[in-house]
Amino acid sequence: MDSLMTSVARAVRHRAGSDTPAADLDPDTELSALGLTSLGVAGLLVDLEAAFDVRFPADAVTPEVFRTLATLTETVRALRAASEERPGTPSAQR
């Protein structure tokens, strides 16, 4: 598990109320199986946007994206890369 996935796992663990250490979460486990609810997904979305300085477009807020730790991490990775490529965005100004 790379550092980005570990950070995303910590956020998931917090919102799901899971006792499993973030580093021990299986990347392919369904987030709903960890106890993440639809309300938890909404909070997780806000947490991830703040932590990684990204914005989830409406088409990225889907059950497929929030299905597993792996799918969610890859989406965050892609959003970070896209924001770093756009001039004038906060990530690009660092």
PDB file of N, CA and C in Angstrom:
ATOM      1  N   MET A   1       0.864  -1.166   0.000  1.00  0.00           N
ATOM      2  CA  MET A   1       0.000   0.000   0.000  1.00  0.00           C
ATOM      3  C   MET A   1       0.914   1.233   0.000  1.00  0.00           C
ATOM      4  N   ASP A   2       0.720   2.115  -0.975  1.00  0.00           N
ATOM      5  CA  ASP A   2       1.542   3.330  -1.043  1.00  0.00           C
ATOM      6  C   ASP A   2       0.993   4.383  -0.075  1.00  0.00           C
ATOM      7  N   SER A   3       1.719   5.487   0.051  1.00  0.00           N
ATOM      8  CA  SER A   3       1.355   6.507   1.040  1.00  0.00           C
ATOM      9  C   SER A   3       0.005   7.160   0.734  1.00  0.00           C
ATOM     10  N   LEU A   4      -0.311   7.350  -0.542  1.00  0.00           N
ATOM     11  CA  LEU A   4      -1.604   7.942  -0.883  1.00  0.00           C
ATOM     12  C   LEU A   4      -2.731   7.009  -0.452  1.00  0.00           C
ATOM     13  N   MET A   5      -2.598   5.732  -0.756  1.00  0.00           N
ATOM     14  CA  MET A   5      -3.646   4.782  -0.379  1.00  0.00           C
ATOM     15  C   MET A   5      -3.777   4.701   1.142  1.00  0.00           C
ATOM     16  N   THR A   6      -2.661   4.762   1.845  1.00  0.00           N
ATOM     17  CA  THR A   6      -2.718   4.737   3.306  1.00  0.00           C
ATOM     18  C   THR A   6      -3.462   5.949   3.835  1.00  0.00           C
ATOM     19  N   SER A   7      -3.231   7.123   3.240  1.00  0.00           N
ATOM     20  CA  SER A   7      -3.940   8.338   3.657  1.00  0.00           C
ATOM     21  C   SER A   7      -5.432   8.239   3.361  1.00  0.00           C
ATOM     22  N   VAL A   8      -5.772   7.737   2.196  1.00  0.00           N
ATOM     23  CA  VAL A   8      -7.186   7.546   1.844  1.00  0.00           C
ATOM     24  C   VAL A   8      -7.807   6.514   2.794  1.00  0.00           C
ATOM     25  N   ALA A   9      -7.066   5.455   3.104  1.00  0.00           N
ATOM     26  CA  ALA A   9      -7.563   4.417   4.016  1.00  0.00           C
ATOM     27  C   ALA A   9      -7.849   4.991   5.401  1.00  0.00           C
ATOM     28  N   ARG A  10      -7.008   5.893   5.874  1.00  0.00           N
ATOM     29  CA  ARG A  10      -7.251   6.529   7.175  1.00  0.00           C
ATOM     30  C   ARG A  10      -8.577   7.306   7.155  1.00  0.00           C
ATOM     31  N   ALA A  11      -8.809   8.024   6.069  1.00  0.00           N
ATOM     32  CA  ALA A  11     -10.058   8.783   5.948  1.00  0.00           C
ATOM     33  C   ALA A  11     -11.264   7.852   5.890  1.00  0.00           C
ATOM     34  N   VAL A  12     -11.136   6.770   5.134  1.00  0.00           N
ATOM     35  CA  VAL A  12     -12.224   5.788   5.035  1.00  0.00           C
ATOM     36  C   VAL A  12     -12.482   5.174   6.405  1.00  0.00           C
ATOM     37  N   ARG A  13     -11.411   4.770   7.068  1.00  0.00           N
ATOM     38  CA  ARG A  13     -11.516   4.148   8.390  1.00  0.00           C
ATOM     39  C   ARG A  13     -12.238   5.079   9.360  1.00  0.00           C
ATOM     40  N   HIS A  14     -11.883   6.354   9.333  1.00  0.00           N
ATOM     41  CA  HIS A  14     -12.518   7.332  10.210  1.00  0.00           C
ATOM     42  C   HIS A  14     -14.016   7.433   9.933  1.00  0.00           C
ATOM     43  N   ARG A  15     -14.377   7.586   8.668  1.00  0.00           N
ATOM     44  CA  ARG A  15     -15.790   7.769   8.312  1.00  0.00           C
ATOM     45  C   ARG A  15     -16.605   6.494   8.468  1.00  0.00           C
ATOM     46  N   ALA A  16     -15.956   5.333   8.315  1.00  0.00           N
ATOM     47  CA  ALA A  16     -16.663   4.061   8.437  1.00  0.00           C
ATOM     48  C   ALA A  16     -16.757   3.606   9.891  1.00  0.00           C
ATOM     49  N   GLY A  17     -15.952   4.231  10.761  1.00  0.00           N
ATOM     50  CA  GLY A  17     -15.949   3.807  12.153  1.00  0.00           C
ATOM     51  C   GLY A  17     -15.309   2.445  12.330  1.00  0.00           C
ATOM     52  N   SER A  18     -14.382   2.112  11.451  1.00  0.00           N
ATOM     53  CA  SER A  18     -13.718   0.807  11.477  1.00  0.00           C
ATOM     54  C   SER A  18     -12.583   0.798  12.492  1.00  0.00           C
ATOM     55  N   ASP A  19     -12.425  -0.322  13.179  1.00  0.00           N
ATOM     56  CA  ASP A  19     -11.325  -0.488  14.126  1.00  0.00           C
ATOM     57  C   ASP A  19     -10.070  -1.036  13.458  1.00  0.00           C
ATOM     58  N   THR A  20     -10.187  -1.477  12.216  1.00  0.00           N
ATOM     59  CA  THR A  20      -9.054  -2.041  11.492  1.00  0.00           C
ATOM     60  C   THR A  20      -8.037  -0.938  11.194  1.00  0.00           C
ATOM     61  N   PRO A  21      -6.765  -1.147  11.532  1.00  0.00           N
ATOM     62  CA  PRO A  21      -5.752  -0.135  11.192  1.00  0.00           C
ATOM     63  C   PRO A  21      -5.747   0.144   9.694  1.00  0.00           C
ATOM     64  N   ALA A  22      -5.536   1.386   9.331  1.00  0.00           N
ATOM     65  CA  ALA A  22      -5.579   1.789   7.921  1.00  0.00           C
ATOM     66  C   ALA A  22      -4.651   0.937   7.064  1.00  0.00           C
ATOM     67  N   ALA A  23      -3.453   0.655   7.556  1.00  0.00           N
ATOM     68  CA  ALA A  23      -2.479  -0.106   6.770  1.00  0.00           C
ATOM     69  C   ALA A  23      -2.918  -1.551   6.555  1.00  0.00           C
ATOM     70  N   ASP A  24      -3.861  -2.038   7.377  1.00  0.00           N
ATOM     71  CA  ASP A  24      -4.328  -3.421   7.255  1.00  0.00           C
ATOM     72  C   ASP A  24      -5.573  -3.573   6.393  1.00  0.00           C
ATOM     73  N   LEU A  25      -6.127  -2.467   5.911  1.00  0.00           N
ATOM     74  CA  LEU A  25      -7.321  -2.561   5.069  1.00  0.00           C
ATOM     75  C   LEU A  25      -6.961  -3.152   3.713  1.00  0.00           C
ATOM     76  N   ASP A  26      -7.748  -4.094   3.269  1.00  0.00           N
ATOM     77  CA  ASP A  26      -7.550  -4.700   1.948  1.00  0.00           C
ATOM     78  C   ASP A  26      -8.041  -3.711   0.896  1.00  0.00           C
ATOM     79  N   PRO A  27      -7.197  -3.351  -0.076  1.00  0.00           N
ATOM     80  CA  PRO A  27      -7.602  -2.375  -1.094  1.00  0.00           C
ATOM     81  C   PRO A  27      -8.835  -2.782  -1.893  1.00  0.00           C
ATOM     82  N   ASP A  28      -9.145  -4.074  -1.922  1.00  0.00           N
ATOM     83  CA  ASP A  28     -10.281  -4.542  -2.721  1.00  0.00           C
ATOM     84  C   ASP A  28     -11.542  -4.820  -1.912  1.00  0.00           C
ATOM     85  N   THR A  29     -11.510  -4.543  -0.627  1.00  0.00           N
ATOM     86  CA  THR A  29     -12.701  -4.719   0.201  1.00  0.00           C
ATOM     87  C   THR A  29     -13.722  -3.644  -0.135  1.00  0.00           C
ATOM     88  N   GLU A  30     -14.964  -4.044  -0.236  1.00  0.00           N
ATOM     89  CA  GLU A  30     -16.046  -3.088  -0.482  1.00  0.00           C
ATOM     90  C   GLU A  30     -16.121  -2.123   0.704  1.00  0.00           C
ATOM     91  N   LEU A  31     -16.172  -0.831   0.425  1.00  0.00           N
ATOM     92  CA  LEU A  31     -16.234   0.156   1.498  1.00  0.00           C
ATOM     93  C   LEU A  31     -17.508  -0.012   2.324  1.00  0.00           C
ATOM     94  N   SER A  32     -18.568  -0.448   1.698  1.00  0.00           N
ATOM     95  CA  SER A  32     -19.805  -0.676   2.443  1.00  0.00           C
ATOM     96  C   SER A  32     -19.624  -1.807   3.461  1.00  0.00           C
ATOM     97  N   ALA A  33     -18.780  -2.784   3.161  1.00  0.00           N
ATOM     98  CA  ALA A  33     -18.514  -3.881   4.095  1.00  0.00           C
ATOM     99  C   ALA A  33     -17.742  -3.401   5.321  1.00  0.00           C
ATOM    100  N   LEU A  34     -17.059  -2.260   5.179  1.00  0.00           N
ATOM    101  CA  LEU A  34     -16.341  -1.675   6.307  1.00  0.00           C
ATOM    102  C   LEU A  34     -17.261  -0.834   7.186  1.00  0.00           C
ATOM    103  N   GLY A  35     -18.492  -0.637   6.718  1.00  0.00           N
ATOM    104  CA  GLY A  35     -19.465   0.148   7.475  1.00  0.00           C
ATOM    105  C   GLY A  35     -19.691   1.544   6.935  1.00  0.00           C
ATOM    106  N   LEU A  36     -19.136   1.851   5.770  1.00  0.00           N
ATOM    107  CA  LEU A  36     -19.323   3.180   5.191  1.00  0.00           C
ATOM    108  C   LEU A  36     -20.742   3.301   4.633  1.00  0.00           C
ATOM    109  N   THR A  37     -21.471   4.284   5.124  1.00  0.00           N
ATOM    110  CA  THR A  37     -22.852   4.523   4.700  1.00  0.00           C
ATOM    111  C   THR A  37     -22.882   5.647   3.666  1.00  0.00           C
ATOM    112  N   SER A  38     -24.058   5.914   3.125  1.00  0.00           N
ATOM    113  CA  SER A  38     -24.169   7.021   2.166  1.00  0.00           C
ATOM    114  C   SER A  38     -23.847   8.352   2.832  1.00  0.00           C
ATOM    115  N   LEU A  39     -24.232   8.517   4.080  1.00  0.00           N
ATOM    116  CA  LEU A  39     -23.876   9.730   4.813  1.00  0.00           C
ATOM    117  C   LEU A  39     -22.355   9.779   5.035  1.00  0.00           C
ATOM    118  N   GLY A  40     -21.768   8.622   5.290  1.00  0.00           N
ATOM    119  CA  GLY A  40     -20.316   8.537   5.445  1.00  0.00           C
ATOM    120  C   GLY A  40     -19.598   8.897   4.162  1.00  0.00           C
ATOM    121  N   VAL A  41     -20.154   8.496   3.029  1.00  0.00           N
ATOM    122  CA  VAL A  41     -19.559   8.837   1.728  1.00  0.00           C
ATOM    123  C   VAL A  41     -19.558  10.351   1.543  1.00  0.00           C
ATOM    124  N   ALA A  42     -20.642  11.002   1.923  1.00  0.00           N
ATOM    125  CA  ALA A  42     -20.707  12.467   1.792  1.00  0.00           C
ATOM    126  C   ALA A  42     -19.629  13.134   2.641  1.00  0.00           C
ATOM    127  N   GLY A  43     -19.466  12.677   3.857  1.00  0.00           N
ATOM    128  CA  GLY A  43     -18.426  13.217   4.719  1.00  0.00           C
ATOM    129  C   GLY A  43     -17.039  12.898   4.207  1.00  0.00           C
ATOM    130  N   LEU A  44     -16.869  11.684   3.712  1.00  0.00           N
ATOM    131  CA  LEU A  44     -15.581  11.267   3.161  1.00  0.00           C
ATOM    132  C   LEU A  44     -15.205  12.126   1.964  1.00  0.00           C
ATOM    133  N   LEU A  45     -16.159  12.432   1.139  1.00  0.00           N
ATOM    134  CA  LEU A  45     -15.924  13.294  -0.021  1.00  0.00           C
ATOM    135  C   LEU A  45     -15.371  14.646   0.425  1.00  0.00           C
ATOM    136  N   VAL A  46     -15.984  15.243   1.415  1.00  0.00           N
ATOM    137  CA  VAL A  46     -15.526  16.533   1.938  1.00  0.00           C
ATOM    138  C   VAL A  46     -14.120  16.394   2.525  1.00  0.00           C
ATOM    139  N   ASP A  47     -13.898  15.320   3.279  1.00  0.00           N
ATOM    140  CA  ASP A  47     -12.581  15.085   3.890  1.00  0.00           C
ATOM    141  C   ASP A  47     -11.493  14.958   2.834  1.00  0.00           C
ATOM    142  N   LEU A  48     -11.767  14.173   1.797  1.00  0.00           N
ATOM    143  CA  LEU A  48     -10.766  13.945   0.747  1.00  0.00           C
ATOM    144  C   LEU A  48     -10.480  15.219  -0.035  1.00  0.00           C
ATOM    145  N   GLU A  49     -11.525  15.982  -0.335  1.00  0.00           N
ATOM    146  CA  GLU A  49     -11.305  17.245  -1.054  1.00  0.00           C
ATOM    147  C   GLU A  49     -10.413  18.186  -0.245  1.00  0.00           C
ATOM    148  N   ALA A  50     -10.643  18.253   1.047  1.00  0.00           N
ATOM    149  CA  ALA A  50      -9.840  19.136   1.893  1.00  0.00           C
ATOM    150  C   ALA A  50      -8.415  18.604   2.065  1.00  0.00           C
ATOM    151  N   ALA A  51      -8.279  17.323   2.290  1.00  0.00           N
ATOM    152  CA  ALA A  51      -6.962  16.738   2.560  1.00  0.00           C
ATOM    153  C   ALA A  51      -6.045  16.765   1.345  1.00  0.00           C
ATOM    154  N   PHE A  52      -6.622  16.577   0.161  1.00  0.00           N
ATOM    155  CA  PHE A  52      -5.795  16.447  -1.042  1.00  0.00           C
ATOM    156  C   PHE A  52      -5.925  17.625  -1.995  1.00  0.00           C
ATOM    157  N   ASP A  53      -6.678  18.653  -1.589  1.00  0.00           N
ATOM    158  CA  ASP A  53      -6.833  19.856  -2.394  1.00  0.00           C
ATOM    159  C   ASP A  53      -7.318  19.526  -3.804  1.00  0.00           C
ATOM    160  N   VAL A  54      -8.360  18.704  -3.862  1.00  0.00           N
ATOM    161  CA  VAL A  54      -8.964  18.321  -5.136  1.00  0.00           C
ATOM    162  C   VAL A  54     -10.455  18.595  -5.049  1.00  0.00           C
ATOM    163  N   ARG A  55     -11.111  18.578  -6.187  1.00  0.00           N
ATOM    164  CA  ARG A  55     -12.567  18.680  -6.257  1.00  0.00           C
ATOM    165  C   ARG A  55     -13.071  17.494  -7.061  1.00  0.00           C
ATOM    166  N   PHE A  56     -14.022  16.775  -6.488  1.00  0.00           N
ATOM    167  CA  PHE A  56     -14.639  15.656  -7.198  1.00  0.00           C
ATOM    168  C   PHE A  56     -15.716  16.223  -8.107  1.00  0.00           C
ATOM    169  N   PRO A  57     -15.563  16.081  -9.422  1.00  0.00           N
ATOM    170  CA  PRO A  57     -16.652  16.503 -10.305  1.00  0.00           C
ATOM    171  C   PRO A  57     -17.838  15.553 -10.114  1.00  0.00           C
ATOM    172  N   ALA A  58     -19.017  16.007 -10.480  1.00  0.00           N
ATOM    173  CA  ALA A  58     -20.228  15.202 -10.288  1.00  0.00           C
ATOM    174  C   ALA A  58     -20.104  13.812 -10.901  1.00  0.00           C
ATOM    175  N   ASP A  59     -19.428  13.708 -12.052  1.00  0.00           N
ATOM    176  CA  ASP A  59     -19.328  12.399 -12.701  1.00  0.00           C
ATOM    177  C   ASP A  59     -18.335  11.461 -12.006  1.00  0.00           C
ATOM    178  N   ALA A  60     -17.631  11.958 -10.983  1.00  0.00           N
ATOM    179  CA  ALA A  60     -16.717  11.102 -10.218  1.00  0.00           C
ATOM    180  C   ALA A  60     -17.327  10.667  -8.885  1.00  0.00           C
ATOM    181  N   VAL A  61     -18.520  11.134  -8.609  1.00  0.00           N
ATOM    182  CA  VAL A  61     -19.207  10.743  -7.379  1.00  0.00           C
ATOM    183  C   VAL A  61     -20.198   9.646  -7.745  1.00  0.00           C
ATOM    184  N   THR A  62     -19.646   8.452  -7.896  1.00  0.00           N
ATOM    185  CA  THR A  62     -20.434   7.303  -8.334  1.00  0.00           C
ATOM    186  C   THR A  62     -20.170   6.108  -7.414  1.00  0.00           C
ATOM    187  N   PRO A  63     -21.080   5.154  -7.420  1.00  0.00           N
ATOM    188  CA  PRO A  63     -20.841   3.937  -6.636  1.00  0.00           C
ATOM    189  C   PRO A  63     -19.555   3.209  -7.061  1.00  0.00           C
ATOM    190  N   GLU A  64     -19.214   3.299  -8.329  1.00  0.00           N
ATOM    191  CA  GLU A  64     -18.002   2.626  -8.807  1.00  0.00           C
ATOM    192  C   GLU A  64     -16.746   3.243  -8.182  1.00  0.00           C
ATOM    193  N   VAL A  65     -16.705   4.556  -8.090  1.00  0.00           N
ATOM    194  CA  VAL A  65     -15.546   5.246  -7.506  1.00  0.00           C
ATOM    195  C   VAL A  65     -15.443   4.943  -6.022  1.00  0.00           C
ATOM    196  N   PHE A  66     -16.562   4.944  -5.316  1.00  0.00           N
ATOM    197  CA  PHE A  66     -16.574   4.728  -3.875  1.00  0.00           C
ATOM    198  C   PHE A  66     -16.831   3.259  -3.511  1.00  0.00           C
ATOM    199  N   ARG A  67     -16.484   2.355  -4.418  1.00  0.00           N
ATOM    200  CA  ARG A  67     -16.712   0.921  -4.189  1.00  0.00           C
ATOM    201  C   ARG A  67     -15.659   0.321  -3.276  1.00  0.00           C
ATOM    202  N   THR A  68     -14.381   0.563  -3.575  1.00  0.00           N
ATOM    203  CA  THR A  68     -13.288  -0.025  -2.793  1.00  0.00           C
ATOM    204  C   THR A  68     -12.233   1.041  -2.511  1.00  0.00           C
ATOM    205  N   LEU A  69     -11.340   0.719  -1.624  1.00  0.00           N
ATOM    206  CA  LEU A  69     -10.220   1.609  -1.336  1.00  0.00           C
ATOM    207  C   LEU A  69      -9.375   1.817  -2.591  1.00  0.00           C
ATOM    208  N   ALA A  70      -9.198   0.771  -3.375  1.00  0.00           N
ATOM    209  CA  ALA A  70      -8.401   0.865  -4.603  1.00  0.00           C
ATOM    210  C   ALA A  70      -9.041   1.805  -5.619  1.00  0.00           C
ATOM    211  N   THR A  71     -10.351   1.678  -5.850  1.00  0.00           N
ATOM    212  CA  THR A  71     -11.009   2.535  -6.840  1.00  0.00           C
ATOM    213  C   THR A  71     -11.032   3.987  -6.382  1.00  0.00           C
ATOM    214  N   LEU A  72     -11.226   4.187  -5.097  1.00  0.00           N
ATOM    215  CA  LEU A  72     -11.247   5.544  -4.558  1.00  0.00           C
ATOM    216  C   LEU A  72      -9.858   6.179  -4.623  1.00  0.00           C
ATOM    217  N   THR A  73      -8.834   5.417  -4.265  1.00  0.00           N
ATOM    218  CA  THR A  73      -7.467   5.949  -4.300  1.00  0.00           C
ATOM    219  C   THR A  73      -7.062   6.309  -5.717  1.00  0.00           C
ATOM    220  N   GLU A  74      -7.393   5.485  -6.680  1.00  0.00           N
ATOM    221  CA  GLU A  74      -7.028   5.784  -8.073  1.00  0.00           C
ATOM    222  C   GLU A  74      -7.733   7.041  -8.568  1.00  0.00           C
ATOM    223  N   THR A  75      -8.961   7.259  -8.120  1.00  0.00           N
ATOM    224  CA  THR A  75      -9.668   8.482  -8.500  1.00  0.00           C
ATOM    225  C   THR A  75      -9.005   9.702  -7.870  1.00  0.00           C
ATOM    226  N   VAL A  76      -8.649   9.607  -6.597  1.00  0.00           N
ATOM    227  CA  VAL A  76      -7.955  10.727  -5.938  1.00  0.00           C
ATOM    228  C   VAL A  76      -6.625  10.992  -6.638  1.00  0.00           C
ATOM    229  N   ARG A  77      -5.911   9.930  -6.982  1.00  0.00           N
ATOM    230  CA  ARG A  77      -4.625  10.076  -7.688  1.00  0.00           C
ATOM    231  C   ARG A  77      -4.812  10.813  -9.013  1.00  0.00           C
ATOM    232  N   ALA A  78      -5.846  10.435  -9.763  1.00  0.00           N
ATOM    233  CA  ALA A  78      -6.118  11.072 -11.056  1.00  0.00           C
ATOM    234  C   ALA A  78      -6.536  12.532 -10.874  1.00  0.00           C
ATOM    235  N   LEU A  79      -7.348  12.812  -9.875  1.00  0.00           N
ATOM    236  CA  LEU A  79      -7.774  14.191  -9.621  1.00  0.00           C
ATOM    237  C   LEU A  79      -6.597  15.060  -9.209  1.00  0.00           C
ATOM    238  N   ARG A  80      -5.695  14.519  -8.402  1.00  0.00           N
ATOM    239  CA  ARG A  80      -4.503  15.275  -8.001  1.00  0.00           C
ATOM    240  C   ARG A  80      -3.632  15.578  -9.209  1.00  0.00           C
ATOM    241  N   ALA A  81      -3.431  14.586 -10.063  1.00  0.00           N
ATOM    242  CA  ALA A  81      -2.604  14.780 -11.256  1.00  0.00           C
ATOM    243  C   ALA A  81      -3.227  15.838 -12.163  1.00  0.00           C
ATOM    244  N   ALA A  82      -4.541  15.773 -12.328  1.00  0.00           N
ATOM    245  CA  ALA A  82      -5.222  16.745 -13.191  1.00  0.00           C
ATOM    246  C   ALA A  82      -5.132  18.153 -12.612  1.00  0.00           C
ATOM    247  N   SER A  83      -5.263  18.280 -11.289  1.00  0.00           N
ATOM    248  CA  SER A  83      -5.209  19.620 -10.694  1.00  0.00           C
ATOM    249  C   SER A  83      -3.797  20.190 -10.756  1.00  0.00           C
ATOM    250  N   GLU A  84      -2.791  19.354 -10.714  1.00  0.00           N
ATOM    251  CA  GLU A  84      -1.404  19.823 -10.808  1.00  0.00           C
ATOM    252  C   GLU A  84      -1.060  20.285 -12.219  1.00  0.00           C
ATOM    253  N   GLU A  85      -1.791  19.775 -13.205  1.00  0.00           N
ATOM    254  CA  GLU A  85      -1.536  20.143 -14.597  1.00  0.00           C
ATOM    255  C   GLU A  85      -2.230  21.436 -14.994  1.00  0.00           C
ATOM    256  N   ARG A  86      -3.280  21.830 -14.248  1.00  0.00           N
ATOM    257  CA  ARG A  86      -4.038  23.037 -14.596  1.00  0.00           C
ATOM    258  C   ARG A  86      -3.387  24.259 -13.981  1.00  0.00           C
ATOM    259  N   PRO A  87      -2.987  25.212 -14.801  1.00  0.00           N
ATOM    260  CA  PRO A  87      -2.430  26.448 -14.243  1.00  0.00           C
ATOM    261  C   PRO A  87      -3.492  27.215 -13.469  1.00  0.00           C
ATOM    262  N   GLY A  88      -3.063  27.841 -12.403  1.00  0.00           N
ATOM    263  CA  GLY A  88      -3.974  28.658 -11.618  1.00  0.00           C
ATOM    264  C   GLY A  88      -4.710  27.910 -10.545  1.00  0.00           C
ATOM    265  N   THR A  89      -4.547  26.595 -10.464  1.00  0.00           N
ATOM    266  CA  THR A  89      -5.196  25.853  -9.389  1.00  0.00           C
ATOM    267  C   THR A  89      -4.285  25.855  -8.184  1.00  0.00           C
ATOM    268  N   PRO A  90      -4.844  25.714  -6.990  1.00  0.00           N
ATOM    269  CA  PRO A  90      -4.010  25.748  -5.792  1.00  0.00           C
ATOM    270  C   PRO A  90      -2.872  24.730  -5.814  1.00  0.00           C
ATOM    271  N   SER A  91      -3.111  23.519  -6.292  1.00  0.00           N
ATOM    272  CA  SER A  91      -2.068  22.495  -6.328  1.00  0.00           C
ATOM    273  C   SER A  91      -0.956  22.895  -7.296  1.00  0.00           C
ATOM    274  N   ALA A  92      -1.328  23.506  -8.386  1.00  0.00           N
ATOM    275  CA  ALA A  92      -0.325  23.883  -9.398  1.00  0.00           C
ATOM    276  C   ALA A  92       0.538  25.037  -8.924  1.00  0.00           C
ATOM    277  N   GLN A  93       0.068  25.816  -7.951  1.00  0.00           N
ATOM    278  CA  GLN A  93       0.813  26.968  -7.484  1.00  0.00           C
ATOM    279  C   GLN A  93       1.851  26.628  -6.428  1.00  0.00           C
ATOM    280  N   ARG A  94       1.901  25.387  -5.990  1.00  0.00           N
ATOM    281  CA  ARG A  94       2.880  24.981  -4.978  1.00  0.00           C
ATOM    282  C   ARG A  94       4.239  24.796  -5.544  1.00  0.00           C
TER     283      ARG A  94
END
